[in-house]
Amino acid sequence: MSGNAPTSPHAAFGQVLRKHRLAAGMSQEQMGLEADVQRNFISLIETGQNQPTITTIFKLAGALNLKPSKLISETEKWFD
C-alpha cells in the first residue's frame, strides 16, 4: 500500500479500522456504542496505541457490517 505505512500490525489495523469507520460515516462515539466498547478505546486502536482482542475485532466488524476477516485481510495488505 502507499502513503505512510504503519510499522506494526496493530498500527495497520488501526488505519484500516479508521478508514472503514469514516466510510460508514460513524464517529468514534457512535462506533463505540454499536460495538459496545469505550470511545477512547476506539481512538487508542486507531492510533496504534492499543491492540484489540479477537472478541473486540468481531464487535468492531459487526458495528461496521463487515466480516472480521475483511479487517484482517486489509491489515495484512500493508505488509505484502
PDB file of N, CA and C in Angstrom:
ATOM      1  N   MET A   1       0.850  -1.185   0.000  1.00  0.00           N
ATOM      2  CA  MET A   1       0.000   0.000   0.000  1.00  0.00           C
ATOM      3  C   MET A   1       0.891   1.243   0.000  1.00  0.00           C
ATOM      4  N   SER A   2       0.331   2.344  -0.442  1.00  0.00           N
ATOM      5  CA  SER A   2       1.111   3.566  -0.495  1.00  0.00           C
ATOM      6  C   SER A   2       0.774   4.471   0.679  1.00  0.00           C
ATOM      7  N   GLY A   3       1.509   5.569   0.759  1.00  0.00           N
ATOM      8  CA  GLY A   3       1.274   6.503   1.856  1.00  0.00           C
ATOM      9  C   GLY A   3       2.168   6.186   3.030  1.00  0.00           C
ATOM     10  N   ASN A   4       1.796   6.665   4.181  1.00  0.00           N
ATOM     11  CA  ASN A   4       2.573   6.420   5.383  1.00  0.00           C
ATOM     12  C   ASN A   4       2.284   5.015   5.886  1.00  0.00           C
ATOM     13  N   ALA A   5       3.189   4.111   5.619  1.00  0.00           N
ATOM     14  CA  ALA A   5       2.995   2.715   6.010  1.00  0.00           C
ATOM     15  C   ALA A   5       3.185   2.565   7.512  1.00  0.00           C
ATOM     16  N   PRO A   6       2.250   1.902   8.168  1.00  0.00           N
ATOM     17  CA  PRO A   6       2.403   1.641   9.591  1.00  0.00           C
ATOM     18  C   PRO A   6       3.545   0.664   9.819  1.00  0.00           C
ATOM     19  N   THR A   7       4.141   0.731  10.983  1.00  0.00           N
ATOM     20  CA  THR A   7       5.302  -0.099  11.278  1.00  0.00           C
ATOM     21  C   THR A   7       4.951  -1.371  12.029  1.00  0.00           C
ATOM     22  N   SER A   8       3.707  -1.543  12.410  1.00  0.00           N
ATOM     23  CA  SER A   8       3.309  -2.737  13.149  1.00  0.00           C
ATOM     24  C   SER A   8       1.913  -3.166  12.712  1.00  0.00           C
ATOM     25  N   PRO A   9       1.600  -4.439  12.910  1.00  0.00           N
ATOM     26  CA  PRO A   9       0.250  -4.887  12.550  1.00  0.00           C
ATOM     27  C   PRO A   9      -0.856  -4.152  13.300  1.00  0.00           C
ATOM     28  N   HIS A  10      -0.645  -3.837  14.582  1.00  0.00           N
ATOM     29  CA  HIS A  10      -1.729  -3.150  15.297  1.00  0.00           C
ATOM     30  C   HIS A  10      -1.903  -1.715  14.809  1.00  0.00           C
ATOM     31  N   ALA A  11      -0.823  -1.068  14.353  1.00  0.00           N
ATOM     32  CA  ALA A  11      -0.961   0.266  13.769  1.00  0.00           C
ATOM     33  C   ALA A  11      -1.693   0.184  12.429  1.00  0.00           C
ATOM     34  N   ALA A  12      -1.368  -0.842  11.637  1.00  0.00           N
ATOM     35  CA  ALA A  12      -2.053  -1.037  10.350  1.00  0.00           C
ATOM     36  C   ALA A  12      -3.535  -1.317  10.573  1.00  0.00           C
ATOM     37  N   PHE A  13      -3.846  -2.171  11.560  1.00  0.00           N
ATOM     38  CA  PHE A  13      -5.243  -2.462  11.860  1.00  0.00           C
ATOM     39  C   PHE A  13      -5.977  -1.173  12.223  1.00  0.00           C
ATOM     40  N   GLY A  14      -5.341  -0.310  12.997  1.00  0.00           N
ATOM     41  CA  GLY A  14      -5.958   0.955  13.377  1.00  0.00           C
ATOM     42  C   GLY A  14      -6.288   1.817  12.184  1.00  0.00           C
ATOM     43  N   GLN A  15      -5.395   1.847  11.194  1.00  0.00           N
ATOM     44  CA  GLN A  15      -5.660   2.636   9.990  1.00  0.00           C
ATOM     45  C   GLN A  15      -6.803   2.041   9.184  1.00  0.00           C
ATOM     46  N   VAL A  16      -6.844   0.716   9.097  1.00  0.00           N
ATOM     47  CA  VAL A  16      -7.931   0.050   8.372  1.00  0.00           C
ATOM     48  C   VAL A  16      -9.264   0.324   9.073  1.00  0.00           C
ATOM     49  N   LEU A  17      -9.264   0.202  10.388  1.00  0.00           N
ATOM     50  CA  LEU A  17     -10.485   0.449  11.157  1.00  0.00           C
ATOM     51  C   LEU A  17     -10.980   1.881  10.941  1.00  0.00           C
ATOM     52  N   ARG A  18     -10.089   2.837  11.032  1.00  0.00           N
ATOM     53  CA  ARG A  18     -10.455   4.238  10.847  1.00  0.00           C
ATOM     54  C   ARG A  18     -11.034   4.477   9.448  1.00  0.00           C
ATOM     55  N   LYS A  19     -10.400   3.893   8.437  1.00  0.00           N
ATOM     56  CA  LYS A  19     -10.890   4.043   7.060  1.00  0.00           C
ATOM     57  C   LYS A  19     -12.331   3.567   6.944  1.00  0.00           C
ATOM     58  N   HIS A  20     -12.612   2.394   7.492  1.00  0.00           N
ATOM     59  CA  HIS A  20     -13.964   1.845   7.389  1.00  0.00           C
ATOM     60  C   HIS A  20     -14.957   2.617   8.262  1.00  0.00           C
ATOM     61  N   ARG A  21     -14.530   3.062   9.408  1.00  0.00           N
ATOM     62  CA  ARG A  21     -15.422   3.843  10.279  1.00  0.00           C
ATOM     63  C   ARG A  21     -15.831   5.137   9.586  1.00  0.00           C
ATOM     64  N   LEU A  22     -14.854   5.827   9.012  1.00  0.00           N
ATOM     65  CA  LEU A  22     -15.157   7.081   8.328  1.00  0.00           C
ATOM     66  C   LEU A  22     -16.020   6.843   7.086  1.00  0.00           C
ATOM     67  N   ALA A  23     -15.733   5.760   6.358  1.00  0.00           N
ATOM     68  CA  ALA A  23     -16.537   5.431   5.176  1.00  0.00           C
ATOM     69  C   ALA A  23     -17.987   5.141   5.562  1.00  0.00           C
ATOM     70  N   ALA A  24     -18.181   4.610   6.768  1.00  0.00           N
ATOM     71  CA  ALA A  24     -19.536   4.329   7.255  1.00  0.00           C
ATOM     72  C   ALA A  24     -20.194   5.577   7.836  1.00  0.00           C
ATOM     73  N   GLY A  25     -19.449   6.680   7.896  1.00  0.00           N
ATOM     74  CA  GLY A  25     -19.997   7.926   8.429  1.00  0.00           C
ATOM     75  C   GLY A  25     -20.216   7.897   9.935  1.00  0.00           C
ATOM     76  N   MET A  26     -19.409   7.113  10.622  1.00  0.00           N
ATOM     77  CA  MET A  26     -19.572   6.964  12.076  1.00  0.00           C
ATOM     78  C   MET A  26     -18.503   7.738  12.830  1.00  0.00           C
ATOM     79  N   SER A  27     -18.910   8.339  13.935  1.00  0.00           N
ATOM     80  CA  SER A  27     -17.941   8.923  14.853  1.00  0.00           C
ATOM     81  C   SER A  27     -17.378   7.799  15.719  1.00  0.00           C
ATOM     82  N   GLN A  28     -16.298   8.085  16.423  1.00  0.00           N
ATOM     83  CA  GLN A  28     -15.761   7.098  17.356  1.00  0.00           C
ATOM     84  C   GLN A  28     -16.788   6.764  18.431  1.00  0.00           C
ATOM     85  N   GLU A  29     -17.532   7.760  18.860  1.00  0.00           N
ATOM     86  CA  GLU A  29     -18.562   7.538  19.873  1.00  0.00           C
ATOM     87  C   GLU A  29     -19.664   6.613  19.352  1.00  0.00           C
ATOM     88  N   GLN A  30     -20.128   6.866  18.133  1.00  0.00           N
ATOM     89  CA  GLN A  30     -21.161   6.005  17.540  1.00  0.00           C
ATOM     90  C   GLN A  30     -20.661   4.569  17.411  1.00  0.00           C
ATOM     91  N   MET A  31     -19.436   4.429  16.942  1.00  0.00           N
ATOM     92  CA  MET A  31     -18.886   3.089  16.783  1.00  0.00           C
ATOM     93  C   MET A  31     -18.747   2.394  18.125  1.00  0.00           C
ATOM     94  N   GLY A  32     -18.314   3.122  19.132  1.00  0.00           N
ATOM     95  CA  GLY A  32     -18.204   2.553  20.463  1.00  0.00           C
ATOM     96  C   GLY A  32     -19.541   2.038  20.971  1.00  0.00           C
ATOM     97  N   LEU A  33     -20.583   2.811  20.739  1.00  0.00           N
ATOM     98  CA  LEU A  33     -21.918   2.383  21.157  1.00  0.00           C
ATOM     99  C   LEU A  33     -22.361   1.136  20.405  1.00  0.00           C
ATOM    100  N   GLU A  34     -22.142   1.127  19.098  1.00  0.00           N
ATOM    101  CA  GLU A  34     -22.542  -0.019  18.271  1.00  0.00           C
ATOM    102  C   GLU A  34     -21.754  -1.283  18.621  1.00  0.00           C
ATOM    103  N   ALA A  35     -20.469  -1.102  18.935  1.00  0.00           N
ATOM    104  CA  ALA A  35     -19.603  -2.250  19.205  1.00  0.00           C
ATOM    105  C   ALA A  35     -19.517  -2.593  20.690  1.00  0.00           C
ATOM    106  N   ASP A  36     -20.141  -1.786  21.526  1.00  0.00           N
ATOM    107  CA  ASP A  36     -20.105  -1.990  22.974  1.00  0.00           C
ATOM    108  C   ASP A  36     -18.680  -1.938  23.531  1.00  0.00           C
ATOM    109  N   VAL A  37     -17.940  -0.916  23.068  1.00  0.00           N
ATOM    110  CA  VAL A  37     -16.611  -0.622  23.610  1.00  0.00           C
ATOM    111  C   VAL A  37     -16.521   0.880  23.856  1.00  0.00           C
ATOM    112  N   GLN A  38     -15.598   1.286  24.689  1.00  0.00           N
ATOM    113  CA  GLN A  38     -15.438   2.705  25.013  1.00  0.00           C
ATOM    114  C   GLN A  38     -14.908   3.488  23.814  1.00  0.00           C
ATOM    115  N   ARG A  39     -15.384   4.713  23.655  1.00  0.00           N
ATOM    116  CA  ARG A  39     -14.937   5.574  22.565  1.00  0.00           C
ATOM    117  C   ARG A  39     -13.427   5.781  22.616  1.00  0.00           C
ATOM    118  N   ASN A  40     -12.878   5.976  23.800  1.00  0.00           N
ATOM    119  CA  ASN A  40     -11.444   6.217  23.889  1.00  0.00           C
ATOM    120  C   ASN A  40     -10.637   4.985  23.482  1.00  0.00           C
ATOM    121  N   PHE A  41     -11.214   3.794  23.643  1.00  0.00           N
ATOM    122  CA  PHE A  41     -10.530   2.580  23.201  1.00  0.00           C
ATOM    123  C   PHE A  41     -10.456   2.541  21.676  1.00  0.00           C
ATOM    124  N   ILE A  42     -11.515   2.998  21.009  1.00  0.00           N
ATOM    125  CA  ILE A  42     -11.511   3.098  19.544  1.00  0.00           C
ATOM    126  C   ILE A  42     -10.363   4.021  19.119  1.00  0.00           C
ATOM    127  N   SER A  43     -10.241   5.151  19.791  1.00  0.00           N
ATOM    128  CA  SER A  43      -9.175   6.094  19.485  1.00  0.00           C
ATOM    129  C   SER A  43      -7.801   5.455  19.668  1.00  0.00           C
ATOM    130  N   LEU A  44      -7.618   4.738  20.758  1.00  0.00           N
ATOM    131  CA  LEU A  44      -6.334   4.094  21.027  1.00  0.00           C
ATOM    132  C   LEU A  44      -6.006   3.028  19.980  1.00  0.00           C
ATOM    133  N   ILE A  45      -7.011   2.310  19.518  1.00  0.00           N
ATOM    134  CA  ILE A  45      -6.796   1.317  18.459  1.00  0.00           C
ATOM    135  C   ILE A  45      -6.414   2.023  17.160  1.00  0.00           C
ATOM    136  N   GLU A  46      -7.160   3.062  16.806  1.00  0.00           N
ATOM    137  CA  GLU A  46      -6.922   3.757  15.542  1.00  0.00           C
ATOM    138  C   GLU A  46      -5.551   4.424  15.488  1.00  0.00           C
ATOM    139  N   THR A  47      -5.038   4.835  16.612  1.00  0.00           N
ATOM    140  CA  THR A  47      -3.721   5.478  16.642  1.00  0.00           C
ATOM    141  C   THR A  47      -2.590   4.479  16.881  1.00  0.00           C
ATOM    142  N   GLY A  48      -2.923   3.200  16.973  1.00  0.00           N
ATOM    143  CA  GLY A  48      -1.912   2.174  17.148  1.00  0.00           C
ATOM    144  C   GLY A  48      -1.348   2.073  18.546  1.00  0.00           C
ATOM    145  N   GLN A  49      -2.000   2.724  19.497  1.00  0.00           N
ATOM    146  CA  GLN A  49      -1.517   2.707  20.874  1.00  0.00           C
ATOM    147  C   GLN A  49      -2.036   1.505  21.657  1.00  0.00           C
ATOM    148  N   ASN A  50      -3.042   0.838  21.119  1.00  0.00           N
ATOM    149  CA  ASN A  50      -3.607  -0.332  21.777  1.00  0.00           C
ATOM    150  C   ASN A  50      -3.995  -1.321  20.699  1.00  0.00           C
ATOM    151  N   GLN A  51      -4.077  -2.583  21.062  1.00  0.00           N
ATOM    152  CA  GLN A  51      -4.487  -3.588  20.094  1.00  0.00           C
ATOM    153  C   GLN A  51      -5.696  -4.347  20.612  1.00  0.00           C
ATOM    154  N   PRO A  52      -6.648  -4.584  19.730  1.00  0.00           N
ATOM    155  CA  PRO A  52      -7.890  -5.238  20.154  1.00  0.00           C
ATOM    156  C   PRO A  52      -7.722  -6.747  20.301  1.00  0.00           C
ATOM    157  N   THR A  53      -8.544  -7.326  21.143  1.00  0.00           N
ATOM    158  CA  THR A  53      -8.627  -8.781  21.238  1.00  0.00           C
ATOM    159  C   THR A  53      -9.445  -9.292  20.061  1.00  0.00           C
ATOM    160  N   ILE A  54      -9.443 -10.578  19.868  1.00  0.00           N
ATOM    161  CA  ILE A  54     -10.246 -11.164  18.795  1.00  0.00           C
ATOM    162  C   ILE A  54     -11.731 -10.879  19.016  1.00  0.00           C
ATOM    163  N   THR A  55     -12.167 -10.899  20.256  1.00  0.00           N
ATOM    164  CA  THR A  55     -13.570 -10.583  20.568  1.00  0.00           C
ATOM    165  C   THR A  55     -13.897  -9.155  20.148  1.00  0.00           C
ATOM    166  N   THR A  56     -12.990  -8.234  20.434  1.00  0.00           N
ATOM    167  CA  THR A  56     -13.210  -6.837  20.064  1.00  0.00           C
ATOM    168  C   THR A  56     -13.204  -6.666  18.551  1.00  0.00           C
ATOM    169  N   ILE A  57     -12.335  -7.386  17.858  1.00  0.00           N
ATOM    170  CA  ILE A  57     -12.321  -7.316  16.393  1.00  0.00           C
ATOM    171  C   ILE A  57     -13.681  -7.737  15.835  1.00  0.00           C
ATOM    172  N   PHE A  58     -14.260  -8.788  16.397  1.00  0.00           N
ATOM    173  CA  PHE A  58     -15.585  -9.227  15.955  1.00  0.00           C
ATOM    174  C   PHE A  58     -16.634  -8.159  16.244  1.00  0.00           C
ATOM    175  N   LYS A  59     -16.564  -7.523  17.395  1.00  0.00           N
ATOM    176  CA  LYS A  59     -17.525  -6.465  17.735  1.00  0.00           C
ATOM    177  C   LYS A  59     -17.394  -5.274  16.792  1.00  0.00           C
ATOM    178  N   LEU A  60     -16.154  -4.868  16.519  1.00  0.00           N
ATOM    179  CA  LEU A  60     -15.918  -3.730  15.637  1.00  0.00           C
ATOM    180  C   LEU A  60     -16.410  -4.028  14.224  1.00  0.00           C
ATOM    181  N   ALA A  61     -16.101  -5.217  13.740  1.00  0.00           N
ATOM    182  CA  ALA A  61     -16.551  -5.606  12.405  1.00  0.00           C
ATOM    183  C   ALA A  61     -18.078  -5.626  12.338  1.00  0.00           C
ATOM    184  N   GLY A  62     -18.720  -6.150  13.390  1.00  0.00           N
ATOM    185  CA  GLY A  62     -20.175  -6.172  13.424  1.00  0.00           C
ATOM    186  C   GLY A  62     -20.775  -4.778  13.368  1.00  0.00           C
ATOM    187  N   ALA A  63     -20.157  -3.843  14.069  1.00  0.00           N
ATOM    188  CA  ALA A  63     -20.638  -2.458  14.057  1.00  0.00           C
ATOM    189  C   ALA A  63     -20.532  -1.846  12.665  1.00  0.00           C
ATOM    190  N   LEU A  64     -19.560  -2.324  11.896  1.00  0.00           N
ATOM    191  CA  LEU A  64     -19.357  -1.819  10.533  1.00  0.00           C
ATOM    192  C   LEU A  64     -20.058  -2.665   9.471  1.00  0.00           C
ATOM    193  N   ASN A  65     -20.778  -3.696   9.901  1.00  0.00           N
ATOM    194  CA  ASN A  65     -21.428  -4.632   8.977  1.00  0.00           C
ATOM    195  C   ASN A  65     -20.422  -5.275   8.028  1.00  0.00           C
ATOM    196  N   LEU A  66     -19.275  -5.647   8.594  1.00  0.00           N
ATOM    197  CA  LEU A  66     -18.226  -6.320   7.837  1.00  0.00           C
ATOM    198  C   LEU A  66     -17.898  -7.645   8.503  1.00  0.00           C
ATOM    199  N   LYS A  67     -17.277  -8.526   7.745  1.00  0.00           N
ATOM    200  CA  LYS A  67     -16.733  -9.737   8.332  1.00  0.00           C
ATOM    201  C   LYS A  67     -15.399  -9.373   8.987  1.00  0.00           C
ATOM    202  N   PRO A  68     -15.100  -9.948  10.138  1.00  0.00           N
ATOM    203  CA  PRO A  68     -13.801  -9.678  10.773  1.00  0.00           C
ATOM    204  C   PRO A  68     -12.633  -9.977   9.827  1.00  0.00           C
ATOM    205  N   SER A  69     -12.783 -10.990   9.003  1.00  0.00           N
ATOM    206  CA  SER A  69     -11.707 -11.357   8.076  1.00  0.00           C
ATOM    207  C   SER A  69     -11.388 -10.234   7.093  1.00  0.00           C
ATOM    208  N   LYS A  70     -12.361  -9.400   6.775  1.00  0.00           N
ATOM    209  CA  LYS A  70     -12.099  -8.271   5.865  1.00  0.00           C
ATOM    210  C   LYS A  70     -11.142  -7.282   6.518  1.00  0.00           C
ATOM    211  N   LEU A  71     -11.378  -6.975   7.788  1.00  0.00           N
ATOM    212  CA  LEU A  71     -10.483  -6.062   8.505  1.00  0.00           C
ATOM    213  C   LEU A  71      -9.072  -6.646   8.585  1.00  0.00           C
ATOM    214  N   ILE A  72      -8.981  -7.941   8.853  1.00  0.00           N
ATOM    215  CA  ILE A  72      -7.674  -8.592   8.974  1.00  0.00           C
ATOM    216  C   ILE A  72      -6.970  -8.659   7.624  1.00  0.00           C
ATOM    217  N   SER A  73      -7.701  -9.044   6.577  1.00  0.00           N
ATOM    218  CA  SER A  73      -7.061  -9.167   5.260  1.00  0.00           C
ATOM    219  C   SER A  73      -6.561  -7.819   4.759  1.00  0.00           C
ATOM    220  N   GLU A  74      -7.301  -6.747   5.027  1.00  0.00           N
ATOM    221  CA  GLU A  74      -6.836  -5.419   4.628  1.00  0.00           C
ATOM    222  C   GLU A  74      -5.614  -5.004   5.448  1.00  0.00           C
ATOM    223  N   THR A  75      -5.565  -5.430   6.691  1.00  0.00           N
ATOM    224  CA  THR A  75      -4.398  -5.154   7.532  1.00  0.00           C
ATOM    225  C   THR A  75      -3.170  -5.888   6.973  1.00  0.00           C
ATOM    226  N   GLU A  76      -3.365  -7.121   6.563  1.00  0.00           N
ATOM    227  CA  GLU A  76      -2.263  -7.923   6.002  1.00  0.00           C
ATOM    228  C   GLU A  76      -1.663  -7.263   4.762  1.00  0.00           C
ATOM    229  N   LYS A  77      -2.484  -6.605   3.968  1.00  0.00           N
ATOM    230  CA  LYS A  77      -2.013  -5.997   2.725  1.00  0.00           C
ATOM    231  C   LYS A  77      -0.945  -4.937   2.962  1.00  0.00           C
ATOM    232  N   TRP A  78      -0.922  -4.332   4.134  1.00  0.00           N
ATOM    233  CA  TRP A  78       0.110  -3.344   4.450  1.00  0.00           C
ATOM    234  C   TRP A  78       1.505  -3.970   4.442  1.00  0.00           C
ATOM    235  N   PHE A  79       1.563  -5.285   4.628  1.00  0.00           N
ATOM    236  CA  PHE A  79       2.849  -5.947   4.789  1.00  0.00           C
ATOM    237  C   PHE A  79       3.185  -6.880   3.625  1.00  0.00           C
ATOM    238  N   ASP A  80       2.401  -6.833   2.557  1.00  0.00           N
ATOM    239  CA  ASP A  80       2.681  -7.655   1.363  1.00  0.00           C
ATOM    240  C   ASP A  80       3.803  -7.056   0.558  1.00  0.00           C
TER     241      ASP A  80
END
